[in-house]
Amino acid sequence: MALYEYKCAGCEDHFDLMRPMSDADEPAACPECGSIESRRVISNFASITPGASALSTNPVMDARMAGGGGCCGGGCGCG
């Protein structure tokens, strides 16, 4: 299940709907006016990455950040 954003063609309301990925592009009923003339819109999202203090307490991230080359950045000992 994924959260998708839709815009109603009738009343122009924006709404979110949790549904299976296979149904993402299927028509969705607008909760405001009931119209099924809605379209999925591309939504913005935020990505949060750990800061320097989080890396120093996580040995896996420390190893990845240390690098070393190779095909995977040295994490498997290839570099």
PDB file of N, CA and C in Angstrom:
ATOM      1  N   MET A   1       0.848  -1.179   0.000  1.00  0.00           N
ATOM      2  CA  MET A   1       0.000   0.000   0.000  1.00  0.00           C
ATOM      3  C   MET A   1       0.892   1.241   0.000  1.00  0.00           C
ATOM      4  N   ALA A   2       0.446   2.234  -0.733  1.00  0.00           N
ATOM      5  CA  ALA A   2       1.183   3.491  -0.822  1.00  0.00           C
ATOM      6  C   ALA A   2       0.194   4.651  -0.737  1.00  0.00           C
ATOM      7  N   LEU A   3       0.706   5.803  -0.353  1.00  0.00           N
ATOM      8  CA  LEU A   3      -0.118   7.002  -0.236  1.00  0.00           C
ATOM      9  C   LEU A   3       0.055   7.819  -1.513  1.00  0.00           C
ATOM     10  N   TYR A   4      -1.063   8.120  -2.182  1.00  0.00           N
ATOM     11  CA  TYR A   4      -1.052   8.878  -3.422  1.00  0.00           C
ATOM     12  C   TYR A   4      -1.872  10.148  -3.257  1.00  0.00           C
ATOM     13  N   GLU A   5      -1.493  11.178  -4.014  1.00  0.00           N
ATOM     14  CA  GLU A   5      -2.221  12.442  -3.994  1.00  0.00           C
ATOM     15  C   GLU A   5      -3.002  12.558  -5.299  1.00  0.00           C
ATOM     16  N   TYR A   6      -4.241  13.017  -5.173  1.00  0.00           N
ATOM     17  CA  TYR A   6      -5.128  13.174  -6.330  1.00  0.00           C
ATOM     18  C   TYR A   6      -5.692  14.582  -6.351  1.00  0.00           C
ATOM     19  N   LYS A   7      -6.111  15.016  -7.560  1.00  0.00           N
ATOM     20  CA  LYS A   7      -6.801  16.293  -7.719  1.00  0.00           C
ATOM     21  C   LYS A   7      -8.110  16.019  -8.453  1.00  0.00           C
ATOM     22  N   CYS A   8      -9.189  16.508  -7.895  1.00  0.00           N
ATOM     23  CA  CYS A   8     -10.512  16.327  -8.473  1.00  0.00           C
ATOM     24  C   CYS A   8     -10.697  17.299  -9.642  1.00  0.00           C
ATOM     25  N   ALA A   9     -11.168  16.780 -10.766  1.00  0.00           N
ATOM     26  CA  ALA A   9     -11.420  17.629 -11.932  1.00  0.00           C
ATOM     27  C   ALA A   9     -12.696  18.450 -11.750  1.00  0.00           C
ATOM     28  N   GLY A  10     -13.606  17.979 -10.893  1.00  0.00           N
ATOM     29  CA  GLY A  10     -14.863  18.691 -10.678  1.00  0.00           C
ATOM     30  C   GLY A  10     -14.719  19.895  -9.776  1.00  0.00           C
ATOM     31  N   CYS A  11     -14.216  19.690  -8.564  1.00  0.00           N
ATOM     32  CA  CYS A  11     -14.133  20.790  -7.591  1.00  0.00           C
ATOM     33  C   CYS A  11     -12.698  21.260  -7.338  1.00  0.00           C
ATOM     34  N   GLU A  12     -11.726  20.628  -7.982  1.00  0.00           N
ATOM     35  CA  GLU A  12     -10.305  20.955  -7.859  1.00  0.00           C
ATOM     36  C   GLU A  12      -9.746  20.738  -6.461  1.00  0.00           C
ATOM     37  N   ASP A  13     -10.407  19.938  -5.650  1.00  0.00           N
ATOM     38  CA  ASP A  13      -9.915  19.596  -4.317  1.00  0.00           C
ATOM     39  C   ASP A  13      -8.732  18.636  -4.447  1.00  0.00           C
ATOM     40  N   HIS A  14      -7.737  18.780  -3.580  1.00  0.00           N
ATOM     41  CA  HIS A  14      -6.620  17.841  -3.504  1.00  0.00           C
ATOM     42  C   HIS A  14      -6.886  16.908  -2.332  1.00  0.00           C
ATOM     43  N   PHE A  15      -6.652  15.619  -2.524  1.00  0.00           N
ATOM     44  CA  PHE A  15      -6.837  14.665  -1.432  1.00  0.00           C
ATOM     45  C   PHE A  15      -5.849  13.520  -1.568  1.00  0.00           C
ATOM     46  N   ASP A  16      -5.572  12.860  -0.446  1.00  0.00           N
ATOM     47  CA  ASP A  16      -4.667  11.721  -0.394  1.00  0.00           C
ATOM     48  C   ASP A  16      -5.478  10.449  -0.245  1.00  0.00           C
ATOM     49  N   LEU A  17      -4.931   9.377  -0.794  1.00  0.00           N
ATOM     50  CA  LEU A  17      -5.617   8.095  -0.720  1.00  0.00           C
ATOM     51  C   LEU A  17      -4.583   6.989  -0.602  1.00  0.00           C
ATOM     52  N   MET A  18      -4.752   6.106   0.382  1.00  0.00           N
ATOM     53  CA  MET A  18      -3.883   4.954   0.559  1.00  0.00           C
ATOM     54  C   MET A  18      -4.493   3.803  -0.237  1.00  0.00           C
ATOM     55  N   ARG A  19      -3.703   3.285  -1.194  1.00  0.00           N
ATOM     56  CA  ARG A  19      -4.212   2.192  -2.021  1.00  0.00           C
ATOM     57  C   ARG A  19      -3.053   1.386  -2.579  1.00  0.00           C
ATOM     58  N   PRO A  20      -3.335   0.184  -3.084  1.00  0.00           N
ATOM     59  CA  PRO A  20      -2.265  -0.634  -3.667  1.00  0.00           C
ATOM     60  C   PRO A  20      -1.634   0.058  -4.873  1.00  0.00           C
ATOM     61  N   MET A  21      -0.372  -0.207  -5.113  1.00  0.00           N
ATOM     62  CA  MET A  21       0.331   0.400  -6.242  1.00  0.00           C
ATOM     63  C   MET A  21      -0.348   0.050  -7.564  1.00  0.00           C
ATOM     64  N   SER A  22      -0.933  -1.130  -7.656  1.00  0.00           N
ATOM     65  CA  SER A  22      -1.601  -1.546  -8.889  1.00  0.00           C
ATOM     66  C   SER A  22      -2.836  -0.697  -9.195  1.00  0.00           C
ATOM     67  N   ASP A  23      -3.387  -0.025  -8.184  1.00  0.00           N
ATOM     68  CA  ASP A  23      -4.575   0.817  -8.369  1.00  0.00           C
ATOM     69  C   ASP A  23      -4.252   2.313  -8.423  1.00  0.00           C
ATOM     70  N   ALA A  24      -2.982   2.659  -8.439  1.00  0.00           N
ATOM     71  CA  ALA A  24      -2.567   4.065  -8.340  1.00  0.00           C
ATOM     72  C   ALA A  24      -3.199   4.955  -9.398  1.00  0.00           C
ATOM     73  N   ASP A  25      -3.320   4.475 -10.624  1.00  0.00           N
ATOM     74  CA  ASP A  25      -3.838   5.312 -11.711  1.00  0.00           C
ATOM     75  C   ASP A  25      -5.323   5.101 -11.979  1.00  0.00           C
ATOM     76  N   GLU A  26      -5.971   4.284 -11.167  1.00  0.00           N
ATOM     77  CA  GLU A  26      -7.416   4.075 -11.303  1.00  0.00           C
ATOM     78  C   GLU A  26      -8.157   5.315 -10.801  1.00  0.00           C
ATOM     79  N   PRO A  27      -9.353   5.588 -11.309  1.00  0.00           N
ATOM     80  CA  PRO A  27     -10.131   6.740 -10.801  1.00  0.00           C
ATOM     81  C   PRO A  27     -10.387   6.606  -9.294  1.00  0.00           C
ATOM     82  N   ALA A  28     -10.394   7.736  -8.618  1.00  0.00           N
ATOM     83  CA  ALA A  28     -10.641   7.773  -7.181  1.00  0.00           C
ATOM     84  C   ALA A  28     -11.770   8.753  -6.901  1.00  0.00           C
ATOM     85  N   ALA A  29     -12.676   8.373  -6.027  1.00  0.00           N
ATOM     86  CA  ALA A  29     -13.800   9.243  -5.682  1.00  0.00           C
ATOM     87  C   ALA A  29     -13.330  10.388  -4.801  1.00  0.00           C
ATOM     88  N   CYS A  30     -13.710  11.593  -5.171  1.00  0.00           N
ATOM     89  CA  CYS A  30     -13.359  12.779  -4.391  1.00  0.00           C
ATOM     90  C   CYS A  30     -14.163  12.791  -3.094  1.00  0.00           C
ATOM     91  N   PRO A  31     -13.497  12.943  -1.948  1.00  0.00           N
ATOM     92  CA  PRO A  31     -14.231  12.980  -0.680  1.00  0.00           C
ATOM     93  C   PRO A  31     -15.055  14.260  -0.504  1.00  0.00           C
ATOM     94  N   GLU A  32     -14.732  15.301  -1.273  1.00  0.00           N
ATOM     95  CA  GLU A  32     -15.440  16.582  -1.155  1.00  0.00           C
ATOM     96  C   GLU A  32     -16.749  16.588  -1.943  1.00  0.00           C
ATOM     97  N   CYS A  33     -16.696  16.192  -3.217  1.00  0.00           N
ATOM     98  CA  CYS A  33     -17.894  16.290  -4.060  1.00  0.00           C
ATOM     99  C   CYS A  33     -18.398  14.934  -4.575  1.00  0.00           C
ATOM    100  N   GLY A  34     -17.603  13.871  -4.385  1.00  0.00           N
ATOM    101  CA  GLY A  34     -18.029  12.542  -4.808  1.00  0.00           C
ATOM    102  C   GLY A  34     -17.726  12.205  -6.257  1.00  0.00           C
ATOM    103  N   SER A  35     -17.203  13.144  -7.022  1.00  0.00           N
ATOM    104  CA  SER A  35     -16.880  12.907  -8.428  1.00  0.00           C
ATOM    105  C   SER A  35     -15.773  11.854  -8.539  1.00  0.00           C
ATOM    106  N   ILE A  36     -15.847  11.045  -9.586  1.00  0.00           N
ATOM    107  CA  ILE A  36     -14.762  10.089  -9.830  1.00  0.00           C
ATOM    108  C   ILE A  36     -13.830  10.585 -10.928  1.00  0.00           C
ATOM    109  N   GLU A  37     -13.947  11.851 -11.271  1.00  0.00           N
ATOM    110  CA  GLU A  37     -13.085  12.473 -12.281  1.00  0.00           C
ATOM    111  C   GLU A  37     -11.854  13.070 -11.601  1.00  0.00           C
ATOM    112  N   SER A  38     -11.047  12.228 -11.007  1.00  0.00           N
ATOM    113  CA  SER A  38      -9.835  12.700 -10.347  1.00  0.00           C
ATOM    114  C   SER A  38      -8.623  12.089 -11.037  1.00  0.00           C
ATOM    115  N   ARG A  39      -7.505  12.774 -10.912  1.00  0.00           N
ATOM    116  CA  ARG A  39      -6.253  12.324 -11.513  1.00  0.00           C
ATOM    117  C   ARG A  39      -5.164  12.344 -10.457  1.00  0.00           C
ATOM    118  N   ARG A  40      -4.284  11.363 -10.533  1.00  0.00           N
ATOM    119  CA  ARG A  40      -3.149  11.317  -9.611  1.00  0.00           C
ATOM    120  C   ARG A  40      -2.172  12.417  -9.992  1.00  0.00           C
ATOM    121  N   VAL A  41      -1.632  13.099  -9.000  1.00  0.00           N
ATOM    122  CA  VAL A  41      -0.652  14.152  -9.238  1.00  0.00           C
ATOM    123  C   VAL A  41       0.690  13.729  -8.642  1.00  0.00           C
ATOM    124  N   ILE A  42       1.750  14.300  -9.154  1.00  0.00           N
ATOM    125  CA  ILE A  42       3.082  14.030  -8.644  1.00  0.00           C
ATOM    126  C   ILE A  42       3.273  14.858  -7.372  1.00  0.00           C
ATOM    127  N   SER A  43       3.635  14.191  -6.302  1.00  0.00           N
ATOM    128  CA  SER A  43       3.797  14.850  -5.009  1.00  0.00           C
ATOM    129  C   SER A  43       5.266  15.071  -4.687  1.00  0.00           C
ATOM    130  N   ASN A  44       5.543  16.102  -3.922  1.00  0.00           N
ATOM    131  CA  ASN A  44       6.874  16.322  -3.372  1.00  0.00           C
ATOM    132  C   ASN A  44       7.047  15.440  -2.149  1.00  0.00           C
ATOM    133  N   PHE A  45       8.284  15.123  -1.828  1.00  0.00           N
ATOM    134  CA  PHE A  45       8.548  14.370  -0.620  1.00  0.00           C
ATOM    135  C   PHE A  45       9.858  14.854  -0.021  1.00  0.00           C
ATOM    136  N   ALA A  46      10.054  14.549   1.242  1.00  0.00           N
ATOM    137  CA  ALA A  46      11.275  14.953   1.943  1.00  0.00           C
ATOM    138  C   ALA A  46      12.105  13.721   2.241  1.00  0.00           C
ATOM    139  N   SER A  47      13.397  13.880   2.161  1.00  0.00           N
ATOM    140  CA  SER A  47      14.318  12.809   2.493  1.00  0.00           C
ATOM    141  C   SER A  47      15.216  13.313   3.613  1.00  0.00           C
ATOM    142  N   ILE A  48      15.290  12.565   4.678  1.00  0.00           N
ATOM    143  CA  ILE A  48      16.097  12.971   5.827  1.00  0.00           C
ATOM    144  C   ILE A  48      17.294  12.040   5.918  1.00  0.00           C
ATOM    145  N   THR A  49      18.483  12.622   5.925  1.00  0.00           N
ATOM    146  CA  THR A  49      19.701  11.833   6.052  1.00  0.00           C
ATOM    147  C   THR A  49      20.342  12.128   7.396  1.00  0.00           C
ATOM    148  N   PRO A  50      21.039  11.159   7.955  1.00  0.00           N
ATOM    149  CA  PRO A  50      21.649  11.378   9.266  1.00  0.00           C
ATOM    150  C   PRO A  50      22.767  12.413   9.191  1.00  0.00           C
ATOM    151  N   GLY A  51      22.882  13.188  10.241  1.00  0.00           N
ATOM    152  CA  GLY A  51      23.955  14.176  10.335  1.00  0.00           C
ATOM    153  C   GLY A  51      25.244  13.538  10.824  1.00  0.00           C
ATOM    154  N   ALA A  52      26.268  14.333  11.007  1.00  0.00           N
ATOM    155  CA  ALA A  52      27.579  13.831  11.412  1.00  0.00           C
ATOM    156  C   ALA A  52      27.519  13.088  12.744  1.00  0.00           C
ATOM    157  N   SER A  53      26.720  13.562  13.704  1.00  0.00           N
ATOM    158  CA  SER A  53      26.659  12.905  15.007  1.00  0.00           C
ATOM    159  C   SER A  53      26.034  11.521  14.902  1.00  0.00           C
ATOM    160  N   ALA A  54      25.067  11.335  13.999  1.00  0.00           N
ATOM    161  CA  ALA A  54      24.439  10.026  13.829  1.00  0.00           C
ATOM    162  C   ALA A  54      25.416   9.046  13.200  1.00  0.00           C
ATOM    163  N   LEU A  55      26.275   9.527  12.303  1.00  0.00           N
ATOM    164  CA  LEU A  55      27.230   8.638  11.651  1.00  0.00           C
ATOM    165  C   LEU A  55      28.255   8.096  12.638  1.00  0.00           C
ATOM    166  N   SER A  56      28.676   8.913  13.578  1.00  0.00           N
ATOM    167  CA  SER A  56      29.727   8.488  14.497  1.00  0.00           C
ATOM    168  C   SER A  56      29.244   7.422  15.480  1.00  0.00           C
ATOM    169  N   THR A  57      27.949   7.230  15.611  1.00  0.00           N
ATOM    170  CA  THR A  57      27.432   6.205  16.516  1.00  0.00           C
ATOM    171  C   THR A  57      26.920   4.984  15.765  1.00  0.00           C
ATOM    172  N   ASN A  58      27.069   4.973  14.447  1.00  0.00           N
ATOM    173  CA  ASN A  58      26.570   3.873  13.640  1.00  0.00           C
ATOM    174  C   ASN A  58      27.739   3.267  12.869  1.00  0.00           C
ATOM    175  N   PRO A  59      28.268   2.103  13.325  1.00  0.00           N
ATOM    176  CA  PRO A  59      29.441   1.526  12.671  1.00  0.00           C
ATOM    177  C   PRO A  59      29.212   1.154  11.205  1.00  0.00           C
ATOM    178  N   VAL A  60      28.002   0.778  10.833  1.00  0.00           N
ATOM    179  CA  VAL A  60      27.720   0.438   9.440  1.00  0.00           C
ATOM    180  C   VAL A  60      27.859   1.675   8.567  1.00  0.00           C
ATOM    181  N   MET A  61      27.277   2.802   9.022  1.00  0.00           N
ATOM    182  CA  MET A  61      27.394   4.042   8.258  1.00  0.00           C
ATOM    183  C   MET A  61      28.838   4.536   8.241  1.00  0.00           C
ATOM    184  N   ASP A  62      29.573   4.360   9.358  1.00  0.00           N
ATOM    185  CA  ASP A  62      30.974   4.759   9.391  1.00  0.00           C
ATOM    186  C   ASP A  62      31.768   4.019   8.321  1.00  0.00           C
ATOM    187  N   ALA A  63      31.523   2.712   8.181  1.00  0.00           N
ATOM    188  CA  ALA A  63      32.238   1.908   7.193  1.00  0.00           C
ATOM    189  C   ALA A  63      31.880   2.352   5.783  1.00  0.00           C
ATOM    190  N   ARG A  64      30.623   2.647   5.544  1.00  0.00           N
ATOM    191  CA  ARG A  64      30.206   3.089   4.209  1.00  0.00           C
ATOM    192  C   ARG A  64      30.814   4.437   3.864  1.00  0.00           C
ATOM    193  N   MET A  65      30.838   5.340   4.839  1.00  0.00           N
ATOM    194  CA  MET A  65      31.352   6.676   4.584  1.00  0.00           C
ATOM    195  C   MET A  65      32.870   6.668   4.416  1.00  0.00           C
ATOM    196  N   ALA A  66      33.565   5.698   5.048  1.00  0.00           N
ATOM    197  CA  ALA A  66      35.014   5.620   4.937  1.00  0.00           C
ATOM    198  C   ALA A  66      35.431   5.272   3.516  1.00  0.00           C
ATOM    199  N   GLY A  67      34.543   4.527   2.837  1.00  0.00           N
ATOM    200  CA  GLY A  67      34.786   4.202   1.438  1.00  0.00           C
ATOM    201  C   GLY A  67      35.990   3.321   1.253  1.00  0.00           C
ATOM    202  N   GLY A  68      36.674   3.491   0.167  1.00  0.00           N
ATOM    203  CA  GLY A  68      37.817   2.659  -0.130  1.00  0.00           C
ATOM    204  C   GLY A  68      37.783   2.218  -1.579  1.00  0.00           C
ATOM    205  N   GLY A  69      36.839   2.701  -2.336  1.00  0.00           N
ATOM    206  CA  GLY A  69      36.785   2.358  -3.752  1.00  0.00           C
ATOM    207  C   GLY A  69      36.095   1.029  -3.983  1.00  0.00           C
ATOM    208  N   GLY A  70      36.404   0.413  -5.089  1.00  0.00           N
ATOM    209  CA  GLY A  70      35.791  -0.858  -5.440  1.00  0.00           C
ATOM    210  C   GLY A  70      34.384  -0.682  -5.950  1.00  0.00           C
ATOM    211  N   CYS A  71      33.746  -1.797  -6.205  1.00  0.00           N
ATOM    212  CA  CYS A  71      32.426  -1.766  -6.809  1.00  0.00           C
ATOM    213  C   CYS A  71      31.345  -1.272  -5.861  1.00  0.00           C
ATOM    214  N   CYS A  72      31.563  -1.403  -4.561  1.00  0.00           N
ATOM    215  CA  CYS A  72      30.520  -1.017  -3.594  1.00  0.00           C
ATOM    216  C   CYS A  72      31.030   0.025  -2.614  1.00  0.00           C
ATOM    217  N   GLY A  73      32.094   0.715  -2.939  1.00  0.00           N
ATOM    218  CA  GLY A  73      32.625   1.708  -2.029  1.00  0.00           C
ATOM    219  C   GLY A  73      33.543   1.112  -0.986  1.00  0.00           C
ATOM    220  N   GLY A  74      33.884  -0.147  -1.143  1.00  0.00           N
ATOM    221  CA  GLY A  74      34.797  -0.802  -0.211  1.00  0.00           C
ATOM    222  C   GLY A  74      34.126  -1.501   0.926  1.00  0.00           C
ATOM    223  N   GLY A  75      32.803  -1.485   0.989  1.00  0.00           N
ATOM    224  CA  GLY A  75      32.079  -2.115   2.096  1.00  0.00           C
ATOM    225  C   GLY A  75      32.246  -3.622   2.177  1.00  0.00           C
ATOM    226  N   CYS A  76      32.544  -4.258   1.048  1.00  0.00           N
ATOM    227  CA  CYS A  76      32.672  -5.718   1.062  1.00  0.00           C
ATOM    228  C   CYS A  76      34.139  -6.149   1.021  1.00  0.00           C
ATOM    229  N   GLY A  77      35.049  -5.208   1.035  1.00  0.00           N
ATOM    230  CA  GLY A  77      36.470  -5.535   0.993  1.00  0.00           C
ATOM    231  C   GLY A  77      37.006  -5.624  -0.425  1.00  0.00           C
ATOM    232  N   CYS A  78      36.236  -5.220  -1.417  1.00  0.00           N
ATOM    233  CA  CYS A  78      36.680  -5.330  -2.811  1.00  0.00           C
ATOM    234  C   CYS A  78      37.638  -4.217  -3.199  1.00  0.00           C
ATOM    235  N   GLY A  79      37.691  -3.152  -2.428  1.00  0.00           N
ATOM    236  CA  GLY A  79      38.482  -2.006  -2.842  1.00  0.00           C
ATOM    237  C   GLY A  79      39.611  -1.782  -1.939  1.00  0.00           C
TER     238      GLY A  79
END
